[in-house]
Amino acid sequence: MAESTLSKRRTPRWRLKIEPRLDEPPAWYPAAVSVGAILLALIFGGILIAFAGGNPFASYAHIARASFGDIGVLSDTIVKATPIILTALACSIAFRMKLWNIGAEGQFIMGAWGASAVVLAPIVSAESSRWLFLPVMIMAGMAMGAIWGYIPGYLKAKFNVNEIISTLMLNYIAVSWVNFWVFGVWTEGGFQMSPKFPEAAWLPRLSQYAESIPFFRGLTTHAGLLLGIAAAIVLWFIVYRSRWGYEIRLIGDNPNAAKYAGINITRNIIWVMMLSGALAGLGGMSEVAGVVHRLQTAPLAAGYGFTGIIVAWLAKLNPLVIILVSILFGALILAGREIQPSGVPKMIQGIILVCLIASDFLLRYRVRIVRGEEA
């Protein structure tokens, strides 16, 4: 009798119960979970900034001012966001089919090389007009990115080679490939960069139209933004409004059902990886034609490929939401140049990614508070 009474006293009145979700959560729920993950990441980041001797509130306020404080810094933020948009789109279409493309960085670099080859080989004469240069550079950049996506896609489709490993290893090959050309064949006076492109091979900037529109004076935003927006719209229609998009989503959600429905999974793996690589390659083209105007050593990617992974997850693989999230991460990169220690922006990005991955738990499981007596 005494043991029974003691057992009841020790039984907790309330406890957490975790159970798998049997139905889809409300439409607003994934977005709310992502926002919560970001807020939690910012809190953790603030704690670490405080441990480093900084003021978290002042740091975050400075990031906001340095990225959105006026039209000039907003323009610079958009320049940083442009390659992120394209690499995040590249990751999103692959992730949609549960293909873990970690090679957007290498595909970005190879796209930059392909676009540069049009100028430096040369494939198009230096006297050609912008209307010839830019379309050929776009096609070359996308083609090289697609080739770099085709390799792991084919290995995955035909031999079930792990695409995480193959895409990651191809990143290093891309770096070495570009270094060979920059330090040797196309070097300018022995420096780690190629000769500057002719102006006909530059993506136009808003500042170039300042004479007719004074408001554009000093604005660095270039036409790569339009490429990114156009790519996001096209990808949205592919994913949500086309038969191919339906096949991609079905393979990602249930490959067995897709196979039973007669969908060619092997072909789709190859095509999706090629599309993913082409989008990242377009990002590389926009960077060399819109910002640096020459081919530099592999750091020209500046981690855009890996940042694209975070942005794609944060946007829940939605191509249109990726545009907004990329601008926020562009702000973090831009303002990070003025924050000390210099690793703080990367640290915040990493914390956000960890929190986002952890938050997926709430999408797959339901957490309830129940009485201790409930099973």
Protein backbone atom coordinates (compact mmCIF):
# COMPACT_ATOMS: atom_id res chain seq x y z
CA MET A 1 0.00 0.00 0.00
CA ALA A 2 2.82 2.33 0.93
CA GLU A 3 4.66 1.46 -2.33
CA SER A 4 1.54 2.26 -4.35
CA THR A 5 1.20 5.67 -2.69
CA LEU A 6 4.89 6.44 -3.26
CA SER A 7 4.58 5.46 -6.94
CA LYS A 8 1.70 7.86 -7.44
CA ARG A 9 3.63 10.66 -5.83
CA ARG A 10 6.58 10.08 -8.14
CA THR A 11 4.45 10.04 -11.28
CA PRO A 12 4.90 13.43 -13.01
CA ARG A 13 1.72 15.39 -13.44
CA TRP A 14 2.69 16.70 -16.91
CA ARG A 15 5.19 15.53 -19.50
CA LEU A 16 6.16 16.05 -23.13
CA LYS A 17 4.97 13.49 -25.66
CA ILE A 18 6.54 13.23 -29.12
CA GLU A 19 4.62 11.49 -31.88
CA PRO A 20 4.95 11.36 -35.70
CA ARG A 21 2.71 13.68 -37.69
CA LEU A 22 0.07 11.70 -39.54
CA ASP A 23 -1.28 14.66 -41.47
CA GLU A 24 0.15 17.73 -43.18
CA PRO A 25 0.63 20.77 -40.89
CA PRO A 26 -1.24 24.00 -41.73
CA ALA A 27 0.14 26.05 -44.62
CA TRP A 28 1.47 28.75 -42.27
CA TYR A 29 3.26 26.33 -39.97
CA PRO A 30 6.52 25.71 -41.96
CA ALA A 31 7.06 29.46 -42.36
CA ALA A 32 6.44 30.01 -38.65
CA VAL A 33 8.93 27.27 -37.77
CA SER A 34 11.57 28.84 -40.06
CA VAL A 35 11.06 32.28 -38.52
CA GLY A 36 11.34 30.74 -35.06
CA ALA A 37 14.57 28.98 -36.07
CA ILE A 38 16.06 32.26 -37.31
CA LEU A 39 15.13 34.08 -34.10
CA LEU A 40 16.67 31.29 -32.05
CA ALA A 41 19.82 31.44 -34.19
CA LEU A 42 20.07 35.20 -33.69
CA ILE A 43 19.75 34.71 -29.93
CA PHE A 44 22.54 32.12 -29.94
CA GLY A 45 24.62 34.38 -32.20
CA GLY A 46 24.04 37.29 -29.83
CA ILE A 47 25.21 35.21 -26.88
CA LEU A 48 28.42 34.29 -28.71
CA ILE A 49 28.99 37.92 -29.73
CA ALA A 50 28.61 38.89 -26.07
CA PHE A 51 31.16 36.23 -25.06
CA ALA A 52 33.56 37.71 -27.64
CA GLY A 53 33.23 41.07 -25.89
CA GLY A 54 30.80 42.71 -28.32
CA ASN A 55 27.35 44.20 -27.97
CA PRO A 56 24.79 41.95 -29.72
CA PHE A 57 22.19 44.68 -30.09
CA ALA A 58 24.69 47.17 -31.50
CA SER A 59 26.08 44.49 -33.85
CA TYR A 60 22.66 43.61 -35.28
CA ALA A 61 21.72 47.28 -35.57
CA HIS A 62 24.95 47.93 -37.46
CA ILE A 63 24.20 45.04 -39.85
CA ALA A 64 20.82 46.61 -40.60
CA ARG A 65 22.26 50.10 -41.18
CA ALA A 66 25.20 48.88 -43.25
CA SER A 67 22.91 46.86 -45.53
CA PHE A 68 19.64 48.80 -45.76
CA GLY A 69 20.52 52.24 -44.37
CA ASP A 70 20.26 54.06 -47.72
CA ILE A 71 19.77 53.34 -51.40
CA GLY A 72 23.50 53.05 -52.01
CA VAL A 73 24.15 50.27 -49.50
CA LEU A 74 20.89 48.59 -50.53
CA SER A 75 22.26 48.47 -54.07
CA ASP A 76 25.45 46.86 -52.80
CA THR A 77 23.39 44.36 -50.82
CA ILE A 78 21.52 43.36 -53.97
CA VAL A 79 24.85 42.86 -55.77
CA LYS A 80 25.86 40.40 -53.04
CA ALA A 81 22.44 38.74 -53.17
CA THR A 82 22.45 38.15 -56.94
CA PRO A 83 24.82 35.14 -57.05
CA ILE A 84 23.16 33.74 -53.91
CA ILE A 85 19.78 33.79 -55.68
CA LEU A 86 21.12 31.66 -58.51
CA THR A 87 23.06 29.18 -56.37
CA ALA A 88 20.08 28.82 -54.02
CA LEU A 89 17.82 28.13 -57.00
CA ALA A 90 20.35 25.52 -58.13
CA CYS A 91 20.25 23.82 -54.74
CA SER A 92 16.46 24.05 -54.44
CA ILE A 93 15.63 22.14 -57.62
CA ALA A 94 18.05 19.35 -56.70
CA PHE A 95 16.87 19.19 -53.08
CA ARG A 96 13.27 19.08 -54.31
CA MET A 97 14.06 15.62 -55.73
CA LYS A 98 16.10 14.61 -52.67
CA LEU A 99 19.34 15.00 -54.62
CA TRP A 100 21.85 16.54 -52.22
CA ASN A 101 23.85 18.73 -54.57
CA ILE A 102 26.69 20.13 -52.44
CA GLY A 103 28.56 21.15 -55.57
CA ALA A 104 26.93 24.47 -56.44
CA GLU A 105 30.22 26.14 -55.52
CA GLY A 106 32.14 24.18 -58.15
CA GLN A 107 29.36 24.60 -60.73
CA PHE A 108 29.42 28.35 -60.02
CA ILE A 109 33.20 28.44 -60.59
CA MET A 110 32.96 26.44 -63.81
CA GLY A 111 30.19 28.74 -65.05
CA ALA A 112 32.49 31.68 -64.43
CA TRP A 113 35.24 29.91 -66.36
CA GLY A 114 32.93 29.09 -69.27
CA ALA A 115 31.74 32.70 -69.55
CA SER A 116 35.32 33.95 -69.32
CA ALA A 117 36.45 31.59 -72.07
CA VAL A 118 34.10 33.38 -74.47
CA VAL A 119 36.18 36.52 -73.94
CA LEU A 120 39.66 35.14 -73.28
CA ALA A 121 39.89 32.19 -75.69
CA PRO A 122 38.48 34.18 -77.55
CA ILE A 123 35.27 32.68 -78.88
CA VAL A 124 33.75 36.09 -79.65
CA SER A 125 35.87 38.92 -81.05
CA ALA A 126 36.68 41.79 -78.69
CA GLU A 127 35.11 44.21 -81.19
CA SER A 128 31.71 42.49 -80.98
CA SER A 129 28.69 44.22 -79.50
CA ARG A 130 27.19 43.58 -76.06
CA TRP A 131 24.16 41.98 -77.72
CA LEU A 132 26.41 39.21 -79.00
CA PHE A 133 28.81 38.93 -76.08
CA LEU A 134 26.34 38.56 -73.24
CA PRO A 135 24.01 35.89 -74.73
CA VAL A 136 27.01 33.76 -75.69
CA MET A 137 28.53 34.21 -72.21
CA ILE A 138 25.22 33.24 -70.60
CA MET A 139 24.98 30.09 -72.71
CA ALA A 140 28.62 29.18 -72.08
CA GLY A 141 28.32 29.72 -68.32
CA MET A 142 25.15 27.64 -68.09
CA ALA A 143 26.64 24.92 -70.32
CA MET A 144 29.76 24.52 -68.17
CA GLY A 145 27.66 24.45 -65.01
CA ALA A 146 25.36 21.86 -66.59
CA ILE A 147 28.35 19.68 -67.53
CA TRP A 148 29.63 19.89 -63.96
CA GLY A 149 26.16 18.85 -62.77
CA TYR A 150 25.88 16.07 -65.35
CA ILE A 151 28.90 14.19 -64.00
CA PRO A 152 27.53 13.48 -60.49
CA GLY A 153 24.02 13.12 -61.95
CA TYR A 154 25.14 10.37 -64.31
CA LEU A 155 27.14 8.62 -61.58
CA LYS A 156 24.12 8.73 -59.27
CA ALA A 157 21.63 7.58 -61.91
CA LYS A 158 23.73 4.77 -63.40
CA PHE A 159 25.88 3.54 -60.52
CA ASN A 160 24.14 4.97 -57.42
CA VAL A 161 27.28 6.90 -56.47
CA ASN A 162 26.62 9.13 -53.46
CA GLU A 163 26.03 12.60 -54.91
CA ILE A 164 27.13 14.34 -51.71
CA ILE A 165 30.65 12.95 -52.09
CA SER A 166 30.88 13.34 -55.87
CA THR A 167 29.61 16.95 -55.95
CA LEU A 168 31.83 17.92 -53.03
CA MET A 169 34.93 16.43 -54.68
CA LEU A 170 34.12 18.18 -57.95
CA ASN A 171 34.30 21.49 -56.10
CA TYR A 172 38.02 20.96 -55.51
CA ILE A 173 38.59 19.94 -59.11
CA ALA A 174 36.86 23.13 -60.29
CA VAL A 175 39.09 25.23 -58.04
CA SER A 176 42.25 23.60 -59.41
CA TRP A 177 41.00 23.89 -63.00
CA VAL A 178 40.39 27.63 -62.72
CA ASN A 179 43.69 28.17 -60.88
CA PHE A 180 45.54 26.49 -63.76
CA TRP A 181 44.08 28.92 -66.28
CA VAL A 182 44.37 32.01 -64.10
CA PHE A 183 47.97 31.40 -62.99
CA GLY A 184 49.13 30.12 -66.35
CA VAL A 185 47.28 30.45 -69.64
CA TRP A 186 45.26 33.61 -69.00
CA THR A 187 47.34 35.32 -66.32
CA GLU A 188 47.89 39.06 -66.57
CA GLY A 189 51.55 39.79 -65.87
CA GLY A 190 51.90 36.79 -63.56
CA PHE A 191 49.16 37.93 -61.20
CA GLN A 192 46.33 35.64 -60.09
CA MET A 193 43.80 37.17 -62.47
CA SER A 194 43.06 37.36 -66.17
CA PRO A 195 43.09 40.53 -68.28
CA LYS A 196 40.03 42.70 -67.86
CA PHE A 197 37.08 42.01 -70.15
CA PRO A 198 36.12 44.61 -72.76
CA GLU A 199 33.14 46.71 -71.70
CA ALA A 200 30.94 44.94 -74.24
CA ALA A 201 31.30 41.82 -72.05
CA TRP A 202 30.07 43.58 -68.89
CA LEU A 203 26.55 43.23 -67.57
CA PRO A 204 25.15 46.78 -67.47
CA ARG A 205 24.91 48.55 -64.10
CA LEU A 206 22.36 51.12 -63.01
CA SER A 207 25.16 53.68 -62.61
CA GLN A 208 25.76 53.55 -66.37
CA TYR A 209 22.39 55.23 -66.90
CA ALA A 210 22.99 58.02 -64.37
CA GLU A 211 23.27 60.68 -67.08
CA SER A 212 19.67 60.18 -68.12
CA ILE A 213 18.41 59.11 -64.67
CA PRO A 214 20.40 60.94 -61.93
CA PHE A 215 18.84 58.75 -59.21
CA PHE A 216 20.98 55.84 -60.48
CA ARG A 217 24.25 57.65 -59.80
CA GLY A 218 26.61 55.40 -57.80
CA LEU A 219 24.29 52.38 -57.78
CA THR A 220 26.17 49.15 -58.41
CA THR A 221 23.21 46.81 -59.04
CA HIS A 222 23.70 45.07 -62.39
CA ALA A 223 21.57 43.10 -64.83
CA GLY A 224 22.47 39.82 -63.13
CA LEU A 225 19.58 40.58 -60.78
CA LEU A 226 17.19 40.38 -63.72
CA LEU A 227 18.69 37.02 -64.67
CA GLY A 228 18.12 35.78 -61.13
CA ILE A 229 14.52 36.99 -60.99
CA ALA A 230 13.77 35.52 -64.42
CA ALA A 231 15.33 32.20 -63.40
CA ALA A 232 13.26 32.14 -60.19
CA ILE A 233 10.01 32.75 -62.08
CA VAL A 234 10.79 30.11 -64.71
CA LEU A 235 11.79 27.59 -62.03
CA TRP A 236 8.58 28.29 -60.08
CA PHE A 237 6.51 27.49 -63.16
CA ILE A 238 8.55 24.34 -63.80
CA VAL A 239 8.14 23.06 -60.25
CA TYR A 240 4.50 23.98 -59.61
CA ARG A 241 2.86 24.30 -63.02
CA SER A 242 4.46 21.74 -65.33
CA ARG A 243 4.29 17.98 -65.75
CA TRP A 244 8.05 17.72 -65.30
CA GLY A 245 7.76 19.61 -62.02
CA TYR A 246 5.10 17.17 -60.86
CA GLU A 247 7.44 14.29 -61.69
CA ILE A 248 10.28 15.95 -59.78
CA ARG A 249 8.11 16.47 -56.70
CA LEU A 250 6.69 12.95 -56.84
CA ILE A 251 10.15 11.38 -57.10
CA GLY A 252 11.30 13.46 -54.14
CA ASP A 253 8.27 12.56 -52.03
CA ASN A 254 7.86 8.91 -52.96
CA PRO A 255 10.27 7.35 -55.48
CA ASN A 256 8.50 3.99 -55.31
CA ALA A 257 5.18 5.56 -56.31
CA ALA A 258 6.94 7.47 -59.10
CA LYS A 259 8.49 4.27 -60.41
CA TYR A 260 5.12 2.51 -60.24
CA ALA A 261 3.60 5.42 -62.21
CA GLY A 262 6.11 4.82 -65.01
CA ILE A 263 8.26 7.91 -64.41
CA ASN A 264 11.83 7.53 -65.67
CA ILE A 265 13.81 8.21 -62.49
CA THR A 266 17.22 7.72 -64.09
CA ARG A 267 16.57 10.33 -66.77
CA ASN A 268 15.11 12.79 -64.24
CA ILE A 269 18.12 12.51 -61.95
CA ILE A 270 20.45 13.47 -64.80
CA TRP A 271 18.27 16.30 -66.10
CA VAL A 272 17.65 17.80 -62.66
CA MET A 273 21.35 17.76 -61.80
CA MET A 274 22.13 19.40 -65.15
CA LEU A 275 19.50 22.10 -64.53
CA SER A 276 20.88 22.63 -61.04
CA GLY A 277 24.41 23.01 -62.42
CA ALA A 278 23.23 25.35 -65.19
CA LEU A 279 21.63 27.71 -62.64
CA ALA A 280 24.79 27.78 -60.53
CA GLY A 281 26.84 28.32 -63.70
CA LEU A 282 24.63 31.29 -64.56
CA GLY A 283 25.51 32.68 -61.14
CA GLY A 284 29.21 32.40 -61.98
CA MET A 285 28.64 34.16 -65.28
CA SER A 286 26.80 37.03 -63.57
CA GLU A 287 29.65 37.46 -61.10
CA VAL A 288 32.48 37.73 -63.65
CA ALA A 289 30.43 39.80 -66.12
CA GLY A 290 28.65 41.99 -63.57
CA VAL A 291 31.14 42.54 -60.74
CA VAL A 292 34.81 41.60 -61.26
CA HIS A 293 34.93 41.84 -65.11
CA ARG A 294 37.72 39.30 -65.23
CA LEU A 295 38.41 35.71 -64.17
CA GLN A 296 40.10 35.53 -60.80
CA THR A 297 41.28 32.67 -58.63
CA ALA A 298 38.61 30.38 -57.20
CA PRO A 299 37.81 32.60 -54.16
CA LEU A 300 35.66 34.61 -56.59
CA ALA A 301 32.88 32.20 -55.48
CA ALA A 302 33.21 33.61 -51.94
CA GLY A 303 31.22 30.73 -50.47
CA TYR A 304 28.13 31.56 -52.52
CA GLY A 305 27.52 27.89 -53.29
CA PHE A 306 27.38 26.89 -49.64
CA THR A 307 25.35 29.96 -48.68
CA GLY A 308 22.88 28.91 -51.37
CA ILE A 309 22.27 25.69 -49.44
CA ILE A 310 21.22 27.63 -46.35
CA VAL A 311 19.03 30.00 -48.36
CA ALA A 312 17.30 27.14 -50.20
CA TRP A 313 16.43 25.43 -46.92
CA LEU A 314 15.30 28.65 -45.30
CA ALA A 315 13.01 29.40 -48.26
CA LYS A 316 11.57 25.87 -48.05
CA LEU A 317 12.75 25.34 -51.65
CA ASN A 318 10.30 27.94 -52.97
CA PRO A 319 11.99 29.76 -55.90
CA LEU A 320 10.18 33.07 -55.33
CA VAL A 321 10.86 33.15 -51.58
CA ILE A 322 14.52 32.51 -52.36
CA ILE A 323 14.80 36.04 -53.80
CA LEU A 324 13.82 37.66 -50.50
CA VAL A 325 15.93 35.35 -48.33
CA SER A 326 18.95 35.88 -50.59
CA ILE A 327 18.72 39.65 -50.08
CA LEU A 328 18.76 39.11 -46.30
CA PHE A 329 21.86 36.94 -46.57
CA GLY A 330 23.43 39.42 -48.97
CA ALA A 331 22.96 41.99 -46.22
CA LEU A 332 24.70 39.73 -43.73
CA ILE A 333 27.67 39.24 -46.08
CA LEU A 334 27.96 42.93 -46.93
CA ALA A 335 27.77 44.17 -43.34
CA GLY A 336 30.07 41.39 -42.21
CA ARG A 337 33.04 43.19 -43.72
CA GLU A 338 32.78 45.80 -40.96
CA ILE A 339 32.13 43.47 -38.02
CA GLN A 340 34.91 42.19 -35.80
CA PRO A 341 35.85 39.44 -35.21
CA SER A 342 35.60 38.88 -38.97
CA GLY A 343 34.21 35.36 -38.57
CA VAL A 344 30.98 36.54 -36.96
CA PRO A 345 28.85 36.59 -40.16
CA LYS A 346 29.96 33.07 -41.11
CA MET A 347 29.26 31.96 -37.56
CA ILE A 348 25.73 33.38 -37.72
CA GLN A 349 25.14 31.66 -41.07
CA GLY A 350 26.28 28.35 -39.60
CA ILE A 351 24.05 28.73 -36.54
CA ILE A 352 21.08 29.53 -38.76
CA LEU A 353 21.71 26.38 -40.82
CA VAL A 354 21.95 24.20 -37.71
CA CYS A 355 18.74 25.68 -36.29
CA LEU A 356 16.94 25.21 -39.61
CA ILE A 357 17.97 21.56 -39.84
CA ALA A 358 16.92 21.00 -36.23
CA SER A 359 13.58 22.75 -36.84
CA ASP A 360 12.64 20.10 -39.41
CA PHE A 361 12.00 17.88 -36.40
CA LEU A 362 8.89 19.99 -35.66
CA LEU A 363 7.63 19.44 -39.20
CA ARG A 364 7.87 15.67 -38.93
CA TYR A 365 6.83 15.23 -35.29
CA ARG A 366 4.18 16.67 -33.03
CA VAL A 367 5.15 17.70 -29.50
CA ARG A 368 2.35 17.70 -26.97
CA ILE A 369 2.12 18.32 -23.24
CA VAL A 370 0.12 15.49 -21.66
CA ARG A 371 -0.76 14.31 -18.19
CA GLY A 372 1.68 11.88 -16.67
CA GLU A 373 -0.89 9.11 -16.60
CA GLU A 374 -1.47 9.23 -20.40
CA ALA A 375 0.26 6.57 -22.51
